[in-house]
Amino acid sequence: MLADTIDTLVMALRKHLRPDSGLWDPLDHAPTPTDHYGQVAAALALRLQEEPGDRRWLEPLNAWMAVPDKALGHQPFNRFLLSLLAEVLRDAEAPTVEQELVARASNRCHLGNRYPSNNWTLLAHACRVMESQVGQASHRQQARFANALRQWLTQDGGFVDYPCRPQEHKGVATPLAYHHKALFLTRLVAVHTGDDSLALQADRMLQWALHLWDGQGHVGGFGRSTHALFGDACLAASLILRGGDDNDVPKQLLAGLMRRWQEQQREDGFLELTPSGHGWDNYMHLSVYNAWAAAILSWARYRVKRQPAPVSLEWHTYTKACHIVDDRAGLVRMGRDSGTLALWSSRGQPPQSFSSHEAEMRYGGGLPFHLTWQGRPLCPPPTRVLVDDLYQQPALAGWTPILKVNGSLHALNHWTFVELQDRQGKALLMLQGHPIPLVRPQPKSVGSKLIAALDWRLLSGALGRGAALRRCPLKGIVAQMQIRVCVNHPEIQVEMTLESQLREPVTLLNPCGHATLDQPLPSFRQAQWSLGDASSGKGMPAGGWQVADQAAALPGARGYCLSEMVVPANGSLSQGLKLAWQLVPVPE
């Protein structure tokens, strides 16, 4: 299945080559973006799958070389791919003119010491390791990589993509796609250097990822680039590099991922960027990520043939109904693969993009980021929504309770108290916290507008990202939440109480908000609510549910909520939601 997947991707790349412009993007209806790395990735993939007399791998590389230096972007990615290509050419004793071309291309890509996201910085460190010669310089670069990785791993083994100095902040961001990228880089450097300690780190990071695997084709769904092809490819390449037999748990994960990719295949041979073909970030491009997937999977398969198979480790599994996967990251696993599996975010994390016009809910706490019955998804991952759309359709918020306080939006997605209990076939997660700002305040004064403009143009948004780490909770409101997950039946219950000590009313935009998939729909969906003024209700609301189609990474995502409710000054609100699904068979 892996070989067929790689062959199909490479055939699609050949199909989308243009003699004058290299790789073509069928979704953008234009050449692959010049400031990305699609051309170089395509060159590597095509060279590794080169047929006798076929020199088409040079077409995308020459197209990239024609781009002016000032227009280049993603330089660590391009340099990384060129390092892999240089290795392939050296091994094949390729003509000197080809090796010199790749060397000139690599010299165009300058590496920085620090980038906005830690995964970029780790990639630059990996480039330096691969390019350093045997000796003192090589050991120094290996140490830099290992030290950076050690700094950016939580105690439980999750990769911190932000902030750069996680020890100085309470909150950290651990988007799963970039954990997979860090895992791939760690495995690659371990293979390249023969460093056993890095190989053990890679196994530790893989174990972390396995705890967020649903036993079929999905791993988590938390943070940006949710279920994106980029992260999937990094995970798959790391599993190929690790080796092992087909009965090995990691190889079962790889097989599940390849089966899911078959469902994402487009008519033109490329894979959709996400399982739904929606919910991807604006920096993603179909041609770029398909070329990246083809390149690193082809290279990993090529490279693993030249290394001995690693010692198979015993992968730790849990028999309890629930456990905390990562306490610092706030990620919880409730249930099991063979029944209900609920991957829940408990504490919540600071978003890596803190905007004034978009509500970022993919890092929120108190919500499921993956829910399955026997491996079949039941709920979509959280999304990012335009603020204007959120006001018009509050159901787009999904599971995140949204409060309007004095004209500002706050979210109940940051929890300071977390307790998890195993109750004989049911998991109970208890949370307590305060609302925090959902969006960054619009700059109003001339000075603040100037600072915002400089931040965007000169600092790459560093001030905005830093603001997400310094959000002040609204202490005048205290909320408690209880989540119950039934392990043996696809059934969950979520209860929330809110106590306000504010002197003005508070509006809950999306009471009993949640999100499910349209296949399968819950067979039972019940809400109940009570306000401090004694008004209450239960069952299906008189006006019906408000429903909104979500642009989520899984297909058929819909958000639901009741009509907004106003909590009076010094008032309270309680609400409950129960969802249940008929037992569904394991997908073939």
Protein backbone atom coordinates (compact mmCIF):
# COMPACT_ATOMS: atom_id res chain seq x y z
CA MET A 1 0.00 0.00 0.00
CA LEU A 2 2.86 2.39 0.81
CA ALA A 3 4.58 1.76 -2.51
CA ASP A 4 1.33 2.33 -4.41
CA THR A 5 0.73 5.58 -2.53
CA ILE A 6 4.20 6.91 -3.35
CA ASP A 7 3.92 5.84 -6.99
CA THR A 8 0.55 7.58 -7.32
CA LEU A 9 1.88 10.81 -5.81
CA VAL A 10 4.92 10.83 -8.08
CA MET A 11 2.78 10.12 -11.14
CA ALA A 12 0.60 13.08 -10.16
CA LEU A 13 3.70 15.29 -9.91
CA ARG A 14 4.80 14.24 -13.41
CA LYS A 15 1.31 14.97 -14.69
CA HIS A 16 1.44 18.50 -13.29
CA LEU A 17 4.87 19.49 -14.62
CA ARG A 18 5.05 22.34 -17.12
CA PRO A 19 8.25 22.80 -19.20
CA ASP A 20 8.38 26.55 -18.63
CA SER A 21 7.24 26.86 -15.01
CA GLY A 22 7.82 23.52 -13.32
CA LEU A 23 5.18 22.26 -10.90
CA TRP A 24 1.59 23.37 -11.54
CA ASP A 25 -1.04 23.74 -8.82
CA PRO A 26 -4.45 22.57 -10.07
CA LEU A 27 -6.28 24.17 -7.13
CA ASP A 28 -4.66 27.60 -7.54
CA HIS A 29 -4.74 27.29 -11.36
CA ALA A 30 -1.20 28.67 -11.36
CA PRO A 31 2.40 27.53 -10.96
CA THR A 32 3.24 26.36 -7.44
CA PRO A 33 4.01 29.42 -5.27
CA THR A 34 7.53 30.75 -5.79
CA ASP A 35 7.97 31.54 -2.09
CA HIS A 36 7.29 27.93 -1.07
CA TYR A 37 9.15 24.65 -1.49
CA GLY A 38 6.98 22.72 -3.93
CA GLN A 39 9.49 22.88 -6.79
CA VAL A 40 12.42 21.53 -4.77
CA ALA A 41 10.28 18.84 -3.13
CA ALA A 42 9.05 17.74 -6.56
CA ALA A 43 12.62 17.56 -7.84
CA LEU A 44 13.63 15.27 -4.94
CA ALA A 45 10.61 12.98 -5.35
CA LEU A 46 11.07 12.71 -9.11
CA ARG A 47 14.81 12.04 -8.82
CA LEU A 48 14.23 9.22 -6.34
CA GLN A 49 11.64 7.66 -8.67
CA GLU A 50 13.61 8.44 -11.82
CA GLU A 51 13.10 6.10 -14.73
CA PRO A 52 15.92 5.32 -17.22
CA GLY A 53 16.49 8.32 -19.45
CA ASP A 54 14.01 10.44 -17.49
CA ARG A 55 15.47 13.86 -16.58
CA ARG A 56 12.24 15.60 -15.67
CA TRP A 57 13.34 16.10 -12.07
CA LEU A 58 15.45 18.98 -13.36
CA GLU A 59 12.39 20.89 -14.63
CA PRO A 60 11.04 21.97 -11.21
CA LEU A 61 14.56 22.60 -9.88
CA ASN A 62 15.44 24.83 -12.83
CA ALA A 63 12.12 26.66 -12.41
CA TRP A 64 13.03 27.34 -8.77
CA MET A 65 16.53 28.48 -9.73
CA ALA A 66 14.94 31.06 -12.06
CA VAL A 67 13.16 32.73 -9.14
CA PRO A 68 15.00 35.89 -7.98
CA ASP A 69 16.71 35.55 -4.60
CA LYS A 70 14.53 38.27 -3.08
CA ALA A 71 11.38 36.33 -3.96
CA LEU A 72 12.45 33.12 -2.24
CA GLY A 73 10.67 31.97 0.91
CA HIS A 74 10.64 28.99 3.27
CA GLN A 75 14.40 28.84 3.00
CA PRO A 76 14.98 26.24 5.76
CA PHE A 77 12.54 23.88 4.00
CA ASN A 78 14.20 24.30 0.63
CA ARG A 79 17.67 23.88 2.08
CA PHE A 80 16.58 20.76 3.95
CA LEU A 81 15.16 19.17 0.81
CA LEU A 82 18.25 20.14 -1.17
CA SER A 83 20.43 18.45 1.46
CA LEU A 84 18.47 15.24 0.96
CA LEU A 85 18.77 15.61 -2.81
CA ALA A 86 22.53 16.19 -2.55
CA GLU A 87 22.86 12.97 -0.56
CA VAL A 88 20.94 11.03 -3.21
CA LEU A 89 23.14 12.41 -5.99
CA ARG A 90 26.35 11.61 -4.08
CA ASP A 91 25.22 8.04 -3.46
CA ALA A 92 24.39 7.62 -7.14
CA GLU A 93 27.71 9.20 -8.22
CA ALA A 94 25.66 11.55 -10.36
CA PRO A 95 27.38 13.83 -12.90
CA THR A 96 29.36 16.66 -11.36
CA VAL A 97 27.24 19.25 -13.14
CA GLU A 98 24.12 18.01 -11.33
CA GLN A 99 25.79 18.00 -7.92
CA GLU A 100 27.13 21.50 -8.51
CA LEU A 101 23.65 22.69 -9.50
CA VAL A 102 22.23 21.44 -6.20
CA ALA A 103 25.12 23.01 -4.28
CA ARG A 104 24.43 26.39 -5.90
CA ALA A 105 20.75 26.01 -5.12
CA SER A 106 21.50 25.27 -1.46
CA ASN A 107 23.71 28.35 -1.17
CA ARG A 108 20.68 30.51 -2.03
CA CYS A 109 18.93 29.42 1.17
CA HIS A 110 20.11 31.23 4.27
CA LEU A 111 19.40 29.82 7.71
CA GLY A 112 18.39 31.96 10.67
CA ASN A 113 19.06 31.23 14.33
CA ARG A 114 15.46 31.70 15.44
CA TYR A 115 12.04 31.63 13.80
CA PRO A 116 8.49 32.40 15.02
CA SER A 117 7.75 28.68 15.40
CA ASN A 118 10.11 26.26 17.10
CA ASN A 119 9.59 23.65 14.38
CA TRP A 120 11.26 26.01 11.88
CA THR A 121 14.23 26.51 14.18
CA LEU A 122 14.55 22.76 14.72
CA LEU A 123 14.51 22.30 10.94
CA ALA A 124 17.37 24.79 10.58
CA HIS A 125 19.33 22.85 13.23
CA ALA A 126 18.68 19.62 11.29
CA CYS A 127 20.05 21.26 8.11
CA ARG A 128 23.27 22.19 9.90
CA VAL A 129 23.68 18.64 11.22
CA MET A 130 23.23 17.15 7.76
CA GLU A 131 25.68 19.58 6.17
CA SER A 132 28.42 19.36 8.82
CA GLN A 133 31.38 17.11 8.19
CA VAL A 134 32.60 14.43 10.55
CA GLY A 135 34.55 15.97 13.42
CA GLN A 136 34.22 18.68 16.04
CA ALA A 137 31.86 20.84 13.96
CA SER A 138 29.54 17.88 13.44
CA HIS A 139 29.42 17.11 17.17
CA ARG A 140 28.69 20.76 17.91
CA GLN A 141 25.74 20.83 15.51
CA GLN A 142 24.39 17.56 16.91
CA ALA A 143 24.56 19.03 20.39
CA ARG A 144 22.70 22.16 19.27
CA PHE A 145 19.93 20.03 17.80
CA ALA A 146 19.69 17.80 20.89
CA ASN A 147 19.69 20.76 23.30
CA ALA A 148 16.97 22.57 21.36
CA LEU A 149 14.85 19.44 21.24
CA ARG A 150 15.30 18.84 24.97
CA GLN A 151 14.19 22.40 25.71
CA TRP A 152 11.06 22.03 23.54
CA LEU A 153 9.80 18.69 24.83
CA THR A 154 7.35 18.51 27.71
CA GLN A 155 8.05 16.11 30.52
CA ASP A 156 5.67 13.64 28.87
CA GLY A 157 7.31 13.94 25.43
CA GLY A 158 5.16 16.43 23.51
CA PHE A 159 6.80 18.99 21.21
CA VAL A 160 6.29 22.64 22.15
CA ASP A 161 6.02 24.70 18.98
CA TYR A 162 5.57 27.96 20.90
CA PRO A 163 6.91 29.84 22.83
CA CYS A 164 10.66 29.69 22.27
CA ARG A 165 11.38 29.60 26.01
CA PRO A 166 8.58 27.43 27.41
CA GLN A 167 10.12 27.35 30.88
CA GLU A 168 9.33 31.07 31.25
CA HIS A 169 5.60 30.69 30.58
CA LYS A 170 2.74 28.66 32.00
CA GLY A 171 1.05 28.06 28.68
CA VAL A 172 2.57 26.20 25.73
CA ALA A 173 1.27 25.31 22.28
CA THR A 174 1.68 21.70 21.11
CA PRO A 175 -0.09 21.39 17.72
CA LEU A 176 0.03 17.73 16.75
CA ALA A 177 1.05 18.32 13.13
CA TYR A 178 4.28 19.95 14.28
CA HIS A 179 4.91 17.32 16.92
CA HIS A 180 4.94 14.93 13.96
CA LYS A 181 7.35 17.17 12.10
CA ALA A 182 9.69 17.32 15.10
CA LEU A 183 9.42 13.52 15.41
CA PHE A 184 10.41 13.12 11.75
CA LEU A 185 13.40 15.46 12.13
CA THR A 186 14.54 13.71 15.31
CA ARG A 187 14.34 10.29 13.69
CA LEU A 188 16.13 11.59 10.59
CA VAL A 189 19.00 13.12 12.58
CA ALA A 190 19.26 9.96 14.68
CA VAL A 191 19.56 7.88 11.50
CA HIS A 192 21.99 10.34 9.92
CA THR A 193 24.32 10.50 12.92
CA GLY A 194 23.79 7.09 14.52
CA ASP A 195 22.97 8.86 17.79
CA ASP A 196 21.25 6.29 20.04
CA SER A 197 20.06 8.93 22.51
CA LEU A 198 18.20 10.76 19.75
CA ALA A 199 16.71 7.47 18.59
CA LEU A 200 15.35 6.97 22.11
CA GLN A 201 13.96 10.50 22.09
CA ALA A 202 12.23 9.74 18.80
CA ASP A 203 10.69 6.58 20.30
CA ARG A 204 9.48 8.64 23.26
CA MET A 205 7.88 11.17 20.92
CA LEU A 206 6.31 8.35 18.91
CA GLN A 207 4.86 6.84 22.08
CA TRP A 208 3.28 10.24 22.81
CA ALA A 209 1.71 10.28 19.35
CA LEU A 210 0.44 6.71 19.70
CA HIS A 211 -1.58 7.73 22.78
CA LEU A 212 -3.48 10.13 20.48
CA TRP A 213 -4.10 7.54 17.75
CA ASP A 214 -7.64 6.24 17.30
CA GLY A 215 -6.55 2.77 16.18
CA GLN A 216 -7.49 3.51 12.55
CA GLY A 217 -6.34 6.40 10.35
CA HIS A 218 -6.35 9.51 12.55
CA VAL A 219 -3.91 10.81 15.12
CA GLY A 220 -5.41 13.56 17.25
CA GLY A 221 -6.68 16.70 15.61
CA PHE A 222 -5.45 19.42 17.92
CA GLY A 223 -3.99 22.84 17.11
CA ARG A 224 -3.26 24.38 13.73
CA SER A 225 -2.83 22.30 10.57
CA THR A 226 -5.39 19.87 11.98
CA HIS A 227 -5.23 16.46 10.25
CA ALA A 228 -3.24 18.20 7.50
CA LEU A 229 -1.35 16.28 4.83
CA PHE A 230 1.87 17.99 5.92
CA GLY A 231 1.80 16.53 9.43
CA ASP A 232 0.51 13.18 8.20
CA ALA A 233 3.45 12.93 5.81
CA CYS A 234 5.95 13.75 8.57
CA LEU A 235 4.46 11.06 10.79
CA ALA A 236 4.46 8.52 7.96
CA ALA A 237 8.09 9.28 7.02
CA SER A 238 9.19 8.90 10.64
CA LEU A 239 7.46 5.50 10.81
CA ILE A 240 9.16 4.38 7.58
CA LEU A 241 12.56 5.42 8.92
CA ARG A 242 11.98 3.52 12.13
CA GLY A 243 11.45 0.23 10.35
CA GLY A 244 9.95 -2.76 12.18
CA ASP A 245 7.73 -5.62 11.03
CA ASP A 246 4.11 -5.40 9.92
CA ASN A 247 2.81 -6.56 13.32
CA ASP A 248 4.58 -3.72 15.09
CA VAL A 249 2.17 -1.15 16.53
CA PRO A 250 3.80 1.77 14.68
CA LYS A 251 3.51 -0.12 11.39
CA GLN A 252 -0.19 -0.67 12.10
CA LEU A 253 -0.50 3.09 12.48
CA LEU A 254 1.23 3.61 9.14
CA ALA A 255 -1.13 1.13 7.46
CA GLY A 256 -4.14 2.93 8.93
CA LEU A 257 -2.84 6.26 7.70
CA MET A 258 -2.32 4.89 4.18
CA ARG A 259 -5.88 3.52 4.12
CA ARG A 260 -7.23 6.91 5.11
CA TRP A 261 -5.15 8.60 2.41
CA GLN A 262 -6.86 6.41 -0.19
CA GLU A 263 -10.11 8.13 0.77
CA GLN A 264 -8.48 11.54 0.28
CA GLN A 265 -7.25 10.90 -3.25
CA ARG A 266 -8.44 13.33 -5.90
CA GLU A 267 -9.14 12.52 -9.53
CA ASP A 268 -5.91 14.26 -10.56
CA GLY A 269 -3.88 11.90 -8.35
CA PHE A 270 -3.08 14.38 -5.61
CA LEU A 271 -4.31 13.99 -2.04
CA GLU A 272 -6.67 16.47 -0.46
CA LEU A 273 -4.95 18.70 2.09
CA THR A 274 -7.29 17.40 4.81
CA PRO A 275 -9.74 14.47 5.00
CA SER A 276 -12.64 16.82 4.19
CA GLY A 277 -10.84 18.98 1.65
CA HIS A 278 -11.69 21.93 3.93
CA GLY A 279 -10.46 23.50 7.14
CA TRP A 280 -6.89 24.11 6.03
CA ASP A 281 -4.88 27.24 6.70
CA ASN A 282 -4.26 29.85 4.02
CA TYR A 283 -0.54 29.06 3.92
CA MET A 284 -1.29 25.58 2.58
CA HIS A 285 -1.14 24.77 -1.12
CA LEU A 286 -2.15 21.52 -2.79
CA SER A 287 0.95 21.23 -4.98
CA VAL A 288 3.36 22.08 -2.15
CA TYR A 289 2.11 19.58 0.40
CA ASN A 290 1.68 16.77 -2.13
CA ALA A 291 5.23 17.35 -3.35
CA TRP A 292 6.43 17.41 0.28
CA ALA A 293 4.64 14.12 1.02
CA ALA A 294 6.02 12.45 -2.12
CA ALA A 295 9.54 13.70 -1.38
CA ILE A 296 9.95 12.73 2.26
CA LEU A 297 8.16 9.39 1.92
CA SER A 298 10.27 8.50 -1.13
CA TRP A 299 13.43 9.57 0.65
CA ALA A 300 12.56 7.70 3.86
CA ARG A 301 11.93 4.49 1.92
CA TYR A 302 15.21 5.01 0.03
CA ARG A 303 17.16 5.71 3.21
CA VAL A 304 15.80 2.88 5.32
CA LYS A 305 17.17 0.35 2.84
CA ARG A 306 20.66 1.43 3.89
CA GLN A 307 20.24 0.97 7.66
CA PRO A 308 19.64 -2.04 9.93
CA ALA A 309 16.15 -2.46 11.34
CA PRO A 310 15.89 -0.99 14.86
CA VAL A 311 15.22 -3.04 17.93
CA SER A 312 11.45 -3.41 18.40
CA LEU A 313 10.31 -1.74 21.60
CA GLU A 314 7.38 -2.71 23.79
CA TRP A 315 4.81 0.03 23.33
CA HIS A 316 3.06 1.04 26.52
CA THR A 317 -0.73 0.75 26.49
CA TYR A 318 -3.28 1.68 29.11
CA THR A 319 -6.00 -0.53 30.53
CA LYS A 320 -7.74 2.21 32.51
CA ALA A 321 -10.72 4.08 31.08
CA CYS A 322 -8.78 7.35 31.14
CA HIS A 323 -5.36 8.85 31.58
CA ILE A 324 -3.59 12.17 31.09
CA VAL A 325 -1.40 11.96 28.00
CA ASP A 326 0.41 15.23 28.71
CA ASP A 327 -0.27 17.28 31.82
CA ARG A 328 1.63 20.37 30.61
CA ALA A 329 -0.13 20.32 27.24
CA GLY A 330 -3.48 19.48 28.82
CA LEU A 331 -4.29 16.51 26.58
CA VAL A 332 -6.43 13.67 27.94
CA ARG A 333 -7.36 10.24 26.59
CA MET A 334 -10.68 8.75 27.75
CA GLY A 335 -12.02 5.39 26.61
CA ARG A 336 -10.42 2.87 24.26
CA ASP A 337 -10.05 2.08 20.57
CA SER A 338 -12.51 -0.82 20.65
CA GLY A 339 -15.31 1.31 22.08
CA THR A 340 -15.69 5.02 22.72
CA LEU A 341 -12.47 6.98 22.46
CA ALA A 342 -12.54 10.64 23.49
CA LEU A 343 -9.41 12.74 23.07
CA TRP A 344 -10.08 15.85 25.12
CA SER A 345 -8.23 19.10 25.65
CA SER A 346 -8.41 19.94 29.35
CA ARG A 347 -6.48 23.10 30.26
CA GLY A 348 -6.35 24.79 26.88
CA GLN A 349 -3.32 26.33 25.21
CA PRO A 350 -2.35 29.80 23.97
CA PRO A 351 -3.16 30.16 20.26
CA GLN A 352 -0.23 30.72 17.92
CA SER A 353 -2.28 33.28 16.02
CA PHE A 354 -4.06 35.86 18.18
CA SER A 355 -6.08 38.01 15.80
CA SER A 356 -8.65 40.76 16.16
CA HIS A 357 -10.81 39.47 13.29
CA GLU A 358 -10.56 35.69 13.68
CA ALA A 359 -11.53 33.53 16.65
CA GLU A 360 -8.96 30.75 17.09
CA MET A 361 -10.56 27.78 18.87
CA ARG A 362 -8.25 24.96 17.78
CA TYR A 363 -6.16 25.28 20.96
CA GLY A 364 -9.05 25.63 23.41
CA GLY A 365 -9.62 23.57 26.53
CA GLY A 366 -12.73 21.82 27.79
CA LEU A 367 -13.55 20.30 24.40
CA PRO A 368 -13.04 17.11 22.37
CA PHE A 369 -10.56 17.33 19.51
CA HIS A 370 -11.26 13.74 18.40
CA LEU A 371 -14.16 11.46 19.33
CA THR A 372 -14.66 8.00 17.82
CA TRP A 373 -16.65 4.81 18.21
CA GLN A 374 -14.55 1.79 17.23
CA GLY A 375 -12.33 4.07 15.17
CA ARG A 376 -15.16 5.86 13.35
CA PRO A 377 -15.11 9.65 13.92
CA LEU A 378 -18.20 11.14 15.56
CA CYS A 379 -17.13 14.75 16.12
CA PRO A 380 -14.95 17.17 14.13
CA PRO A 381 -11.91 18.94 15.53
CA PRO A 382 -12.34 22.59 16.58
CA THR A 383 -11.92 25.32 13.97
CA ARG A 384 -10.95 28.94 13.43
CA VAL A 385 -13.81 31.31 12.55
CA LEU A 386 -14.11 34.90 11.39
CA VAL A 387 -15.53 37.07 14.19
CA ASP A 388 -18.21 38.53 11.89
CA ASP A 389 -19.33 35.00 10.97
CA LEU A 390 -19.35 33.98 14.61
CA TYR A 391 -21.75 36.79 15.51
CA GLN A 392 -24.07 35.79 12.67
CA GLN A 393 -23.85 32.03 13.33
CA PRO A 394 -22.77 31.31 16.93
CA ALA A 395 -23.13 27.57 16.26
CA LEU A 396 -19.83 27.82 14.35
CA ALA A 397 -18.07 27.97 17.73
CA GLY A 398 -18.78 24.27 18.26
CA TRP A 399 -17.92 23.16 21.80
CA THR A 400 -16.39 26.48 22.92
CA PRO A 401 -18.74 28.59 25.10
CA ILE A 402 -18.58 32.20 23.87
CA LEU A 403 -19.45 35.10 26.18
CA LYS A 404 -20.10 38.70 25.24
CA VAL A 405 -19.03 40.99 28.08
CA ASN A 406 -19.19 44.77 27.66
CA GLY A 407 -19.04 44.36 23.89
CA SER A 408 -15.95 42.09 23.99
CA LEU A 409 -15.81 38.38 23.21
CA HIS A 410 -14.51 35.98 25.85
CA ALA A 411 -14.26 32.20 25.72
CA LEU A 412 -14.53 29.54 28.39
CA ASN A 413 -11.61 27.55 26.98
CA HIS A 414 -8.92 28.07 29.62
CA TRP A 415 -9.19 25.97 32.78
CA THR A 416 -6.95 26.24 35.82
CA PHE A 417 -8.26 23.23 37.78
CA VAL A 418 -8.27 19.78 36.18
CA GLU A 419 -9.22 16.45 37.73
CA LEU A 420 -9.67 13.13 35.91
CA GLN A 421 -11.38 10.09 37.42
CA ASP A 422 -11.93 6.51 36.25
CA ARG A 423 -15.39 5.37 37.35
CA GLN A 424 -15.81 1.74 36.27
CA GLY A 425 -16.47 2.06 32.57
CA LYS A 426 -16.97 5.81 32.62
CA ALA A 427 -14.43 8.59 32.58
CA LEU A 428 -15.11 11.84 34.43
CA LEU A 429 -13.21 15.05 33.67
CA MET A 430 -13.79 18.02 36.00
CA LEU A 431 -12.65 21.55 35.14
CA GLN A 432 -12.82 25.00 36.69
CA GLY A 433 -11.67 28.35 35.35
CA HIS A 434 -12.49 31.85 34.16
CA PRO A 435 -13.25 33.29 30.71
CA ILE A 436 -10.35 34.80 28.76
CA PRO A 437 -10.32 37.13 25.73
CA LEU A 438 -11.11 35.24 22.54
CA VAL A 439 -9.75 37.84 20.12
CA ARG A 440 -7.13 40.55 20.31
CA PRO A 441 -8.54 44.05 20.90
CA GLN A 442 -8.62 46.27 17.83
CA PRO A 443 -5.98 49.03 17.99
CA LYS A 444 -7.76 52.36 18.42
CA SER A 445 -5.17 55.06 18.99
CA VAL A 446 -2.72 56.20 16.32
CA GLY A 447 0.17 54.86 18.38
CA SER A 448 -1.34 51.40 18.85
CA LYS A 449 -2.17 51.20 15.13
CA LEU A 450 1.42 52.10 14.27
CA ILE A 451 2.76 49.43 16.65
CA ALA A 452 0.42 46.83 15.12
CA ALA A 453 1.60 47.73 11.61
CA LEU A 454 5.27 47.51 12.62
CA ASP A 455 4.63 44.19 14.37
CA TRP A 456 3.12 42.76 11.20
CA ARG A 457 5.72 44.10 8.77
CA LEU A 458 8.95 43.99 10.77
CA LEU A 459 8.47 41.56 13.67
CA SER A 460 6.48 38.83 11.86
CA GLY A 461 3.64 39.21 14.37
CA ALA A 462 5.79 38.52 17.44
CA LEU A 463 3.94 41.06 19.59
CA GLY A 464 0.58 39.56 18.65
CA ARG A 465 1.70 36.05 19.53
CA GLY A 466 3.13 37.31 22.80
CA ALA A 467 -0.22 38.92 23.64
CA ALA A 468 -1.81 35.45 23.59
CA LEU A 469 0.49 34.45 26.45
CA ARG A 470 -0.55 37.46 28.52
CA ARG A 471 -4.35 37.27 28.31
CA CYS A 472 -5.96 38.22 31.60
CA PRO A 473 -8.80 36.00 32.86
CA LEU A 474 -12.10 37.62 33.76
CA LYS A 475 -12.09 36.82 37.48
CA GLY A 476 -15.62 38.14 37.94
CA ILE A 477 -16.98 34.98 36.30
CA VAL A 478 -16.29 31.47 37.58
CA ALA A 479 -17.23 28.41 35.51
CA GLN A 480 -17.18 24.71 36.24
CA MET A 481 -17.50 21.91 33.71
CA GLN A 482 -17.96 18.16 34.03
CA ILE A 483 -17.49 15.75 31.11
CA ARG A 484 -18.63 12.12 31.33
CA VAL A 485 -17.63 9.60 28.68
CA CYS A 486 -19.14 6.12 28.56
CA VAL A 487 -16.51 3.65 27.38
CA ASN A 488 -18.82 0.81 26.31
CA HIS A 489 -21.40 2.92 24.48
CA PRO A 490 -20.99 6.02 22.30
CA GLU A 491 -22.44 8.43 24.83
CA ILE A 492 -21.14 11.63 26.38
CA GLN A 493 -22.53 14.19 28.82
CA VAL A 494 -21.24 17.72 29.37
CA GLU A 495 -22.49 19.92 32.21
CA MET A 496 -21.46 23.51 32.91
CA THR A 497 -22.30 26.06 35.58
CA LEU A 498 -21.45 29.73 35.42
CA GLU A 499 -21.50 32.19 38.34
CA SER A 500 -21.19 35.89 37.53
CA GLN A 501 -20.24 38.54 40.06
CA LEU A 502 -20.26 41.30 37.48
CA ARG A 503 -22.54 44.30 37.82
CA GLU A 504 -23.68 44.07 34.22
CA PRO A 505 -25.39 41.23 32.33
CA VAL A 506 -23.39 38.71 30.34
CA THR A 507 -24.58 37.11 27.08
CA LEU A 508 -23.81 33.47 26.32
CA LEU A 509 -23.91 33.41 22.51
CA ASN A 510 -24.07 29.63 22.07
CA PRO A 511 -25.75 27.78 24.96
CA CYS A 512 -25.16 24.02 24.91
CA GLY A 513 -22.85 24.50 21.92
CA HIS A 514 -21.24 21.45 20.36
CA ALA A 515 -20.27 19.96 17.00
CA THR A 516 -20.89 16.56 15.42
CA LEU A 517 -20.55 14.90 12.02
CA ASP A 518 -23.53 14.27 9.76
CA GLN A 519 -22.46 10.65 9.30
CA PRO A 520 -23.39 9.22 11.71
CA LEU A 521 -25.73 11.69 13.36
CA PRO A 522 -26.42 11.25 17.08
CA SER A 523 -29.55 9.23 17.69
CA PHE A 524 -30.12 11.19 20.90
CA ARG A 525 -29.40 14.87 21.45
CA GLN A 526 -30.79 16.55 24.57
CA ALA A 527 -30.13 19.91 26.19
CA GLN A 528 -31.17 21.36 29.51
CA TRP A 529 -30.56 24.77 30.97
CA SER A 530 -31.43 26.97 33.92
CA LEU A 531 -30.91 30.68 34.54
CA GLY A 532 -30.66 32.40 37.90
CA ASP A 533 -34.12 33.90 37.34
CA ALA A 534 -35.59 30.37 37.55
CA SER A 535 -36.34 30.06 33.83
CA SER A 536 -35.36 26.63 32.59
CA GLY A 537 -35.90 24.12 29.84
CA LYS A 538 -35.16 20.57 28.81
CA GLY A 539 -35.17 18.51 25.64
CA MET A 540 -35.45 20.01 22.17
CA PRO A 541 -35.74 23.82 22.34
CA ALA A 542 -38.92 25.38 21.02
CA GLY A 543 -37.09 27.10 18.18
CA GLY A 544 -35.01 24.05 17.38
CA TRP A 545 -31.26 23.93 17.29
CA GLN A 546 -29.29 26.58 15.51
CA VAL A 547 -27.12 24.69 13.03
CA ALA A 548 -24.12 25.82 10.99
CA ASP A 549 -21.90 23.91 8.57
CA GLN A 550 -18.30 24.06 9.74
CA ALA A 551 -15.20 24.21 7.56
CA ALA A 552 -13.55 21.51 9.65
CA ALA A 553 -10.85 19.04 8.69
CA LEU A 554 -13.24 16.07 8.90
CA PRO A 555 -16.14 15.83 6.42
CA GLY A 556 -19.74 16.60 7.36
CA ALA A 557 -18.98 18.86 10.33
CA ARG A 558 -21.85 20.84 11.83
CA GLY A 559 -22.06 23.09 14.86
CA TYR A 560 -25.14 23.28 17.08
CA CYS A 561 -26.32 25.60 19.82
CA LEU A 562 -29.42 27.14 21.38
CA SER A 563 -30.43 30.78 21.04
CA GLU A 564 -28.33 33.18 23.07
CA MET A 565 -29.07 33.59 26.77
CA VAL A 566 -28.49 36.60 28.99
CA VAL A 567 -27.08 35.97 32.46
CA PRO A 568 -28.23 38.84 34.69
CA ALA A 569 -25.86 40.88 36.83
CA ASN A 570 -24.64 38.78 39.77
CA GLY A 571 -26.53 35.90 38.19
CA SER A 572 -25.88 32.31 37.29
CA LEU A 573 -26.49 29.79 34.54
CA SER A 574 -26.30 26.02 34.35
CA GLN A 575 -26.57 23.89 31.23
CA GLY A 576 -26.27 20.25 30.27
CA LEU A 577 -25.87 18.34 27.03
CA LYS A 578 -26.24 14.63 26.37
CA LEU A 579 -25.31 12.98 23.07
CA ALA A 580 -25.64 9.32 22.15
CA TRP A 581 -25.18 7.36 18.93
CA GLN A 582 -26.57 4.02 17.88
CA LEU A 583 -23.91 1.33 17.86
CA VAL A 584 -22.20 1.45 14.51
CA PRO A 585 -19.95 -1.22 12.99
CA VAL A 586 -16.24 -0.80 12.57
CA PRO A 587 -15.63 0.62 9.05
CA GLU A 588 -14.28 -1.94 6.61
